[in-house]
Amino acid sequence: MNFFKNVFGNPKRLVGVHKHNKYFECAEAKVREVETATRNPLDAVNSHPLWESWLRHTRKTPPTQAELDEFDARRVVMQQNVAEIERKERKLILQERAEKERDRDDDDAAIVPFKFGK
């Protein structure tokens, strides 16, 4: 067995595929890795957060497709909520600016020019 390990290394076991990325685990060495579709290691940065947590050993088991789908659905709802909050905030900012302009115009109208003489 040691000869096999020395010559071929620890065999990798495919544990999942997500968006053309393949996720492997080498059980004996407790090594986890991703093989990206482009073979560019920088593309691994764009891996799914649940897969990322599995790669970093913060989760014991690989994510299931149901977990990935649920996570993505929550992400969509969160993005919609953020967009709605930003829309309301922009509206509030515009209202505050308009009120300041009205107040400034009212202050300017209240100023009576002083006349010298008559």
N, C-alpha and C. Protein backbone atom coordinates (compact mmCIF):
# COMPACT_ATOMS: atom_id res chain seq x y z
N MET A 1 0.82 -1.19 0.00
CA MET A 1 0.00 0.00 0.00
C MET A 1 0.86 1.25 0.00
N ASN A 2 1.96 1.27 0.78
CA ASN A 2 2.84 2.43 0.79
C ASN A 2 3.45 2.67 -0.58
N PHE A 3 3.80 1.61 -1.28
CA PHE A 3 4.35 1.75 -2.62
C PHE A 3 3.34 2.46 -3.53
N PHE A 4 2.08 2.04 -3.46
CA PHE A 4 1.02 2.65 -4.27
C PHE A 4 0.90 4.14 -3.96
N LYS A 5 0.92 4.49 -2.66
CA LYS A 5 0.81 5.89 -2.27
C LYS A 5 2.00 6.69 -2.75
N ASN A 6 3.20 6.11 -2.61
CA ASN A 6 4.40 6.82 -3.02
C ASN A 6 4.44 7.06 -4.52
N VAL A 7 3.99 6.09 -5.29
CA VAL A 7 4.05 6.22 -6.75
C VAL A 7 2.89 7.06 -7.28
N PHE A 8 1.70 6.79 -6.81
CA PHE A 8 0.52 7.44 -7.38
C PHE A 8 -0.09 8.52 -6.48
N GLY A 9 0.37 8.66 -5.28
CA GLY A 9 -0.21 9.62 -4.35
C GLY A 9 -1.52 9.10 -3.81
N ASN A 10 -2.14 9.87 -2.97
CA ASN A 10 -3.44 9.47 -2.43
C ASN A 10 -4.50 9.61 -3.52
N PRO A 11 -5.31 8.59 -3.72
CA PRO A 11 -6.33 8.69 -4.76
C PRO A 11 -7.40 9.70 -4.36
N LYS A 12 -7.82 10.51 -5.33
CA LYS A 12 -8.86 11.50 -5.09
C LYS A 12 -10.22 10.87 -5.36
N ARG A 13 -11.19 11.30 -4.57
CA ARG A 13 -12.56 10.83 -4.76
C ARG A 13 -13.42 12.03 -5.12
N LEU A 14 -14.12 11.94 -6.24
CA LEU A 14 -15.03 13.01 -6.66
C LEU A 14 -16.24 13.01 -5.73
N VAL A 15 -16.50 14.17 -5.11
CA VAL A 15 -17.62 14.25 -4.17
C VAL A 15 -18.75 15.12 -4.70
N GLY A 16 -18.48 15.92 -5.73
CA GLY A 16 -19.55 16.75 -6.27
C GLY A 16 -19.11 17.59 -7.45
N VAL A 17 -20.09 18.04 -8.19
CA VAL A 17 -19.87 18.92 -9.34
C VAL A 17 -20.87 20.06 -9.24
N HIS A 18 -20.37 21.28 -9.45
CA HIS A 18 -21.25 22.45 -9.43
C HIS A 18 -20.75 23.45 -10.46
N LYS A 19 -21.60 23.75 -11.44
CA LYS A 19 -21.27 24.70 -12.50
C LYS A 19 -19.90 24.39 -13.11
N HIS A 20 -19.70 23.20 -13.53
CA HIS A 20 -18.49 22.72 -14.21
C HIS A 20 -17.26 22.65 -13.32
N ASN A 21 -17.40 22.96 -12.04
CA ASN A 21 -16.29 22.78 -11.10
C ASN A 21 -16.45 21.40 -10.46
N LYS A 22 -15.34 20.69 -10.33
CA LYS A 22 -15.36 19.36 -9.71
C LYS A 22 -14.67 19.46 -8.36
N TYR A 23 -15.32 18.86 -7.35
CA TYR A 23 -14.81 18.92 -5.99
C TYR A 23 -14.36 17.52 -5.57
N PHE A 24 -13.11 17.44 -5.09
CA PHE A 24 -12.49 16.17 -4.75
C PHE A 24 -12.09 16.15 -3.29
N GLU A 25 -11.99 14.93 -2.76
CA GLU A 25 -11.49 14.73 -1.41
C GLU A 25 -10.55 13.55 -1.42
N CYS A 26 -9.44 13.71 -0.73
CA CYS A 26 -8.50 12.61 -0.53
C CYS A 26 -8.64 12.24 0.94
N ALA A 27 -9.32 11.14 1.20
CA ALA A 27 -9.74 10.80 2.56
C ALA A 27 -8.58 10.64 3.53
N GLU A 28 -7.53 9.94 3.14
CA GLU A 28 -6.45 9.67 4.09
C GLU A 28 -5.68 10.93 4.45
N ALA A 29 -5.47 11.80 3.50
CA ALA A 29 -4.71 13.02 3.77
C ALA A 29 -5.60 14.17 4.23
N LYS A 30 -6.91 13.94 4.22
CA LYS A 30 -7.89 14.97 4.58
C LYS A 30 -7.68 16.24 3.77
N VAL A 31 -7.42 16.06 2.49
CA VAL A 31 -7.22 17.17 1.57
C VAL A 31 -8.46 17.31 0.70
N ARG A 32 -8.90 18.53 0.53
CA ARG A 32 -10.04 18.82 -0.33
C ARG A 32 -9.58 19.83 -1.37
N GLU A 33 -10.06 19.63 -2.59
CA GLU A 33 -9.64 20.54 -3.65
C GLU A 33 -10.73 20.68 -4.69
N VAL A 34 -10.60 21.74 -5.47
CA VAL A 34 -11.53 22.00 -6.57
C VAL A 34 -10.75 22.00 -7.86
N GLU A 35 -11.34 21.41 -8.87
CA GLU A 35 -10.77 21.43 -10.21
C GLU A 35 -11.73 22.26 -11.05
N THR A 36 -11.29 23.45 -11.44
CA THR A 36 -12.18 24.36 -12.17
C THR A 36 -12.28 23.93 -13.63
N ALA A 37 -13.32 24.40 -14.28
CA ALA A 37 -13.55 24.04 -15.67
C ALA A 37 -12.42 24.53 -16.56
N THR A 38 -11.81 25.67 -16.22
CA THR A 38 -10.76 26.25 -17.05
C THR A 38 -9.36 25.83 -16.61
N ARG A 39 -9.29 25.10 -15.52
CA ARG A 39 -8.01 24.68 -14.93
C ARG A 39 -7.20 25.85 -14.40
N ASN A 40 -7.81 27.01 -14.31
CA ASN A 40 -7.15 28.20 -13.78
C ASN A 40 -7.44 28.26 -12.28
N PRO A 41 -6.42 28.20 -11.42
CA PRO A 41 -6.67 28.20 -9.98
C PRO A 41 -7.39 29.46 -9.48
N LEU A 42 -7.25 30.57 -10.20
CA LEU A 42 -7.93 31.78 -9.77
C LEU A 42 -9.44 31.68 -9.93
N ASP A 43 -9.90 30.79 -10.79
CA ASP A 43 -11.34 30.60 -10.96
C ASP A 43 -11.97 29.94 -9.74
N ALA A 44 -11.18 29.30 -8.92
CA ALA A 44 -11.70 28.67 -7.71
C ALA A 44 -12.24 29.71 -6.74
N VAL A 45 -11.82 30.96 -6.89
CA VAL A 45 -12.29 32.04 -6.03
C VAL A 45 -13.80 32.22 -6.22
N ASN A 46 -14.30 31.90 -7.40
CA ASN A 46 -15.72 32.09 -7.69
C ASN A 46 -16.57 30.87 -7.34
N SER A 47 -16.05 29.98 -6.53
CA SER A 47 -16.84 28.81 -6.18
C SER A 47 -17.97 29.21 -5.23
N HIS A 48 -18.98 28.38 -5.19
CA HIS A 48 -20.16 28.63 -4.36
C HIS A 48 -19.76 28.69 -2.88
N PRO A 49 -20.37 29.58 -2.10
CA PRO A 49 -20.00 29.70 -0.68
C PRO A 49 -20.13 28.40 0.11
N LEU A 50 -21.13 27.58 -0.19
CA LEU A 50 -21.26 26.31 0.54
C LEU A 50 -20.13 25.36 0.17
N TRP A 51 -19.74 25.34 -1.09
CA TRP A 51 -18.59 24.51 -1.48
C TRP A 51 -17.32 25.07 -0.87
N GLU A 52 -17.22 26.38 -0.81
CA GLU A 52 -16.04 27.01 -0.21
C GLU A 52 -15.90 26.61 1.25
N SER A 53 -17.01 26.59 1.98
CA SER A 53 -16.95 26.20 3.38
C SER A 53 -16.55 24.72 3.51
N TRP A 54 -16.97 23.89 2.57
CA TRP A 54 -16.55 22.48 2.60
C TRP A 54 -15.06 22.37 2.31
N LEU A 55 -14.57 23.14 1.33
CA LEU A 55 -13.14 23.10 0.99
C LEU A 55 -12.27 23.51 2.18
N ARG A 56 -12.76 24.45 2.97
CA ARG A 56 -11.99 24.97 4.11
C ARG A 56 -12.24 24.20 5.40
N HIS A 57 -12.93 23.08 5.30
CA HIS A 57 -13.21 22.20 6.44
C HIS A 57 -14.07 22.85 7.51
N THR A 58 -14.85 23.86 7.16
CA THR A 58 -15.78 24.42 8.14
C THR A 58 -17.11 23.69 8.11
N ARG A 59 -17.28 22.84 7.14
CA ARG A 59 -18.44 21.96 7.08
C ARG A 59 -17.93 20.56 6.78
N LYS A 60 -18.52 19.58 7.44
CA LYS A 60 -18.02 18.21 7.32
C LYS A 60 -18.42 17.52 6.03
N THR A 61 -19.65 17.75 5.60
CA THR A 61 -20.15 17.03 4.42
C THR A 61 -20.29 17.99 3.24
N PRO A 62 -20.12 17.47 2.05
CA PRO A 62 -20.34 18.32 0.86
C PRO A 62 -21.79 18.77 0.79
N PRO A 63 -22.05 19.95 0.26
CA PRO A 63 -23.43 20.43 0.17
C PRO A 63 -24.24 19.60 -0.83
N THR A 64 -25.50 19.41 -0.52
CA THR A 64 -26.39 18.71 -1.44
C THR A 64 -26.96 19.73 -2.44
N GLN A 65 -27.53 19.22 -3.51
CA GLN A 65 -28.13 20.11 -4.49
C GLN A 65 -29.29 20.89 -3.87
N ALA A 66 -30.03 20.26 -2.98
CA ALA A 66 -31.14 20.95 -2.31
C ALA A 66 -30.62 22.12 -1.46
N GLU A 67 -29.50 21.92 -0.76
CA GLU A 67 -28.90 23.01 0.04
C GLU A 67 -28.42 24.14 -0.86
N LEU A 68 -27.81 23.78 -1.98
CA LEU A 68 -27.33 24.80 -2.92
C LEU A 68 -28.50 25.62 -3.48
N ASP A 69 -29.58 24.92 -3.85
CA ASP A 69 -30.76 25.60 -4.39
C ASP A 69 -31.39 26.52 -3.34
N GLU A 70 -31.50 26.04 -2.11
CA GLU A 70 -32.08 26.84 -1.03
C GLU A 70 -31.23 28.09 -0.76
N PHE A 71 -29.92 27.91 -0.74
CA PHE A 71 -29.00 29.04 -0.53
C PHE A 71 -29.17 30.07 -1.64
N ASP A 72 -29.23 29.60 -2.89
CA ASP A 72 -29.37 30.51 -4.03
C ASP A 72 -30.71 31.24 -3.99
N ALA A 73 -31.77 30.55 -3.57
CA ALA A 73 -33.08 31.19 -3.47
C ALA A 73 -33.06 32.27 -2.40
N ARG A 74 -32.42 31.99 -1.26
CA ARG A 74 -32.30 33.01 -0.20
C ARG A 74 -31.49 34.20 -0.69
N ARG A 75 -30.46 33.93 -1.47
CA ARG A 75 -29.62 35.01 -2.00
C ARG A 75 -30.45 35.93 -2.92
N VAL A 76 -31.30 35.34 -3.75
CA VAL A 76 -32.14 36.13 -4.66
C VAL A 76 -33.09 37.01 -3.86
N VAL A 77 -33.73 36.44 -2.83
CA VAL A 77 -34.65 37.21 -1.99
C VAL A 77 -33.89 38.34 -1.31
N MET A 78 -32.70 38.05 -0.81
CA MET A 78 -31.91 39.08 -0.14
C MET A 78 -31.54 40.21 -1.11
N GLN A 79 -31.15 39.85 -2.33
CA GLN A 79 -30.81 40.88 -3.32
C GLN A 79 -32.03 41.75 -3.65
N GLN A 80 -33.21 41.14 -3.72
CA GLN A 80 -34.43 41.91 -3.97
C GLN A 80 -34.72 42.83 -2.80
N ASN A 81 -34.54 42.35 -1.58
CA ASN A 81 -34.77 43.18 -0.39
C ASN A 81 -33.80 44.36 -0.35
N VAL A 82 -32.55 44.09 -0.68
CA VAL A 82 -31.54 45.16 -0.70
C VAL A 82 -31.90 46.21 -1.74
N ALA A 83 -32.33 45.77 -2.92
CA ALA A 83 -32.72 46.70 -3.98
C ALA A 83 -33.90 47.57 -3.54
N GLU A 84 -34.86 46.97 -2.86
CA GLU A 84 -36.03 47.72 -2.36
C GLU A 84 -35.61 48.74 -1.30
N ILE A 85 -34.73 48.34 -0.39
CA ILE A 85 -34.25 49.26 0.64
C ILE A 85 -33.48 50.42 0.00
N GLU A 86 -32.64 50.12 -0.99
CA GLU A 86 -31.89 51.18 -1.66
C GLU A 86 -32.82 52.13 -2.41
N ARG A 87 -33.89 51.58 -3.03
CA ARG A 87 -34.85 52.43 -3.73
C ARG A 87 -35.54 53.38 -2.74
N LYS A 88 -35.97 52.85 -1.59
CA LYS A 88 -36.62 53.68 -0.57
C LYS A 88 -35.66 54.73 -0.02
N GLU A 89 -34.41 54.34 0.17
CA GLU A 89 -33.42 55.28 0.69
C GLU A 89 -33.17 56.41 -0.30
N ARG A 90 -33.06 56.08 -1.60
CA ARG A 90 -32.87 57.13 -2.61
C ARG A 90 -34.06 58.09 -2.62
N LYS A 91 -35.27 57.54 -2.51
CA LYS A 91 -36.48 58.36 -2.50
C LYS A 91 -36.46 59.31 -1.30
N LEU A 92 -36.08 58.78 -0.13
CA LEU A 92 -36.02 59.59 1.09
C LEU A 92 -34.98 60.70 0.95
N ILE A 93 -33.83 60.38 0.38
CA ILE A 93 -32.78 61.39 0.19
C ILE A 93 -33.27 62.51 -0.72
N LEU A 94 -33.96 62.13 -1.81
CA LEU A 94 -34.49 63.15 -2.73
C LEU A 94 -35.54 64.01 -2.05
N GLN A 95 -36.38 63.41 -1.21
CA GLN A 95 -37.38 64.19 -0.47
C GLN A 95 -36.71 65.17 0.48
N GLU A 96 -35.66 64.72 1.17
CA GLU A 96 -34.95 65.60 2.10
C GLU A 96 -34.29 66.76 1.36
N ARG A 97 -33.73 66.48 0.20
CA ARG A 97 -33.11 67.55 -0.59
C ARG A 97 -34.17 68.57 -1.03
N ALA A 98 -35.33 68.05 -1.46
CA ALA A 98 -36.39 68.95 -1.90
C ALA A 98 -36.88 69.83 -0.75
N GLU A 99 -37.00 69.25 0.45
CA GLU A 99 -37.41 70.03 1.62
C GLU A 99 -36.39 71.11 1.96
N LYS A 100 -35.11 70.78 1.86
CA LYS A 100 -34.06 71.77 2.13
C LYS A 100 -34.13 72.90 1.13
N GLU A 101 -34.39 72.58 -0.13
CA GLU A 101 -34.51 73.61 -1.17
C GLU A 101 -35.71 74.52 -0.89
N ARG A 102 -36.84 73.91 -0.49
CA ARG A 102 -38.03 74.70 -0.16
C ARG A 102 -37.75 75.60 1.04
N ASP A 103 -37.09 75.07 2.05
CA ASP A 103 -36.76 75.87 3.23
C ASP A 103 -35.85 77.03 2.86
N ARG A 104 -34.88 76.76 1.99
CA ARG A 104 -33.95 77.80 1.56
C ARG A 104 -34.71 78.88 0.77
N ASP A 105 -35.63 78.46 -0.09
CA ASP A 105 -36.43 79.42 -0.86
C ASP A 105 -37.32 80.24 0.06
N ASP A 106 -37.91 79.59 1.08
CA ASP A 106 -38.75 80.31 2.04
C ASP A 106 -37.93 81.33 2.82
N ASP A 107 -36.71 80.95 3.20
CA ASP A 107 -35.84 81.88 3.94
C ASP A 107 -35.47 83.07 3.06
N ASP A 108 -35.19 82.82 1.80
CA ASP A 108 -34.84 83.91 0.88
C ASP A 108 -36.02 84.86 0.68
N ALA A 109 -37.23 84.32 0.61
CA ALA A 109 -38.42 85.15 0.41
C ALA A 109 -38.72 85.99 1.65
N ALA A 110 -38.35 85.50 2.81
CA ALA A 110 -38.65 86.20 4.06
C ALA A 110 -37.72 87.40 4.27
N ILE A 111 -36.63 87.44 3.57
CA ILE A 111 -35.68 88.55 3.73
C ILE A 111 -36.22 89.77 3.00
N VAL A 112 -36.41 90.83 3.75
CA VAL A 112 -36.91 92.07 3.17
C VAL A 112 -35.72 92.99 2.97
N PRO A 113 -35.52 93.44 1.73
CA PRO A 113 -34.36 94.31 1.52
C PRO A 113 -34.52 95.64 2.29
N PHE A 114 -33.45 96.09 2.87
CA PHE A 114 -33.45 97.32 3.63
C PHE A 114 -33.22 98.48 2.67
N LYS A 115 -34.05 99.51 2.80
CA LYS A 115 -33.92 100.67 1.93
C LYS A 115 -33.43 101.85 2.75
N PHE A 116 -32.42 102.50 2.25
CA PHE A 116 -31.92 103.70 2.91
C PHE A 116 -32.72 104.90 2.45
N GLY A 117 -32.88 105.79 3.31
CA GLY A 117 -33.52 107.03 2.91
C GLY A 117 -35.01 106.99 3.12
N LYS A 118 -35.75 107.29 2.10
CA LYS A 118 -37.20 107.48 2.18
C LYS A 118 -37.87 106.30 2.73
